[in-house]
Amino acid sequence: MTVKEFRQTLVGYKGDWPLNHRILDHSPKRIGKKLEISLTVDHDKRTVQPFEPWLELLKELERFNRLPPSLKKEF
């Protein structure tokens, strides 16, 4: 194993804090190997930019929700 620094931003999802699986390359080939891992807390502020197509979709959804029920059924 090589020493590799990796900065991970954790985001809560459904009560869990899943890790990004890029931490260990080719991990299925390394099952059973023992690793020494150290963790430190980094208090730097980070912002995650939203995915642009999602923002456009949210705008469309807001417009759809403002339609009367009779028009919604047509879609």
Protein backbone atom coordinates (compact mmCIF):
# COMPACT_ATOMS: atom_id res chain seq x y z
CA MET A 1 0.00 0.00 0.00
CA THR A 2 1.14 3.49 -0.64
CA VAL A 3 0.56 6.40 1.67
CA LYS A 4 -2.16 8.50 0.16
CA GLU A 5 -3.79 11.59 1.58
CA PHE A 6 -7.45 11.82 0.69
CA ARG A 7 -9.81 14.64 1.59
CA GLN A 8 -13.32 13.31 2.10
CA THR A 9 -16.43 15.45 2.47
CA LEU A 10 -19.14 13.48 4.25
CA VAL A 11 -22.75 14.25 3.55
CA GLY A 12 -25.51 12.71 5.62
CA TYR A 13 -27.98 10.56 3.66
CA LYS A 14 -30.95 8.79 5.25
CA GLY A 15 -29.32 8.82 8.68
CA ASP A 16 -25.98 7.40 7.45
CA TRP A 17 -22.69 9.06 6.56
CA PRO A 18 -21.49 7.04 3.55
CA LEU A 19 -17.85 7.24 2.55
CA ASN A 20 -16.74 7.82 -1.01
CA HIS A 21 -15.44 4.51 -2.36
CA ARG A 22 -12.57 6.17 -4.25
CA ILE A 23 -10.52 6.05 -1.05
CA LEU A 24 -9.06 2.63 -1.88
CA ASP A 25 -8.33 1.92 -5.54
CA HIS A 26 -9.04 -1.64 -6.73
CA SER A 27 -10.51 -2.48 -3.33
CA PRO A 28 -12.14 -5.78 -4.44
CA LYS A 29 -8.64 -7.10 -5.24
CA ARG A 30 -7.44 -6.20 -1.74
CA ILE A 31 -10.02 -8.02 0.37
CA GLY A 32 -8.38 -9.45 3.47
CA LYS A 33 -5.41 -7.08 3.55
CA LYS A 34 -4.86 -5.17 6.77
CA LEU A 35 -4.56 -1.41 6.58
CA GLU A 36 -3.39 1.21 8.99
CA ILE A 37 -5.67 4.23 8.72
CA SER A 38 -5.58 7.52 10.57
CA LEU A 39 -8.33 10.13 10.50
CA THR A 40 -8.21 13.79 11.33
CA VAL A 41 -10.97 16.36 11.41
CA ASP A 42 -10.62 19.20 8.94
CA HIS A 43 -12.76 22.20 9.85
CA ASP A 44 -12.30 24.02 6.53
CA LYS A 45 -15.57 25.31 5.10
CA ARG A 46 -16.67 23.64 1.88
CA THR A 47 -19.62 24.23 -0.36
CA VAL A 48 -20.87 21.67 -2.81
CA GLN A 49 -22.25 23.17 -5.99
CA PRO A 50 -25.56 21.63 -7.08
CA PHE A 51 -25.73 19.74 -10.35
CA GLU A 52 -27.06 22.24 -12.92
CA PRO A 53 -29.58 19.89 -14.61
CA TRP A 54 -31.12 19.21 -11.17
CA LEU A 55 -31.67 22.92 -10.65
CA GLU A 56 -33.42 23.16 -14.00
CA LEU A 57 -35.55 20.14 -13.15
CA LEU A 58 -36.58 21.72 -9.83
CA LYS A 59 -37.72 24.84 -11.67
CA GLU A 60 -39.81 22.71 -14.04
CA LEU A 61 -41.28 20.81 -11.10
CA GLU A 62 -42.28 24.05 -9.39
CA ARG A 63 -44.04 25.14 -12.58
CA PHE A 64 -45.79 21.77 -12.85
CA ASN A 65 -46.98 21.97 -9.23
CA ARG A 66 -48.62 25.34 -9.93
CA LEU A 67 -50.77 23.85 -12.70
CA PRO A 68 -54.41 23.11 -11.97
CA PRO A 69 -55.16 19.42 -11.29
CA SER A 70 -56.98 19.01 -14.61
CA LEU A 71 -53.84 20.00 -16.56
CA LYS A 72 -51.61 17.80 -14.39
CA LYS A 73 -53.69 14.76 -15.40
CA GLU A 74 -52.90 15.48 -19.06
CA PHE A 75 -49.22 14.89 -18.35
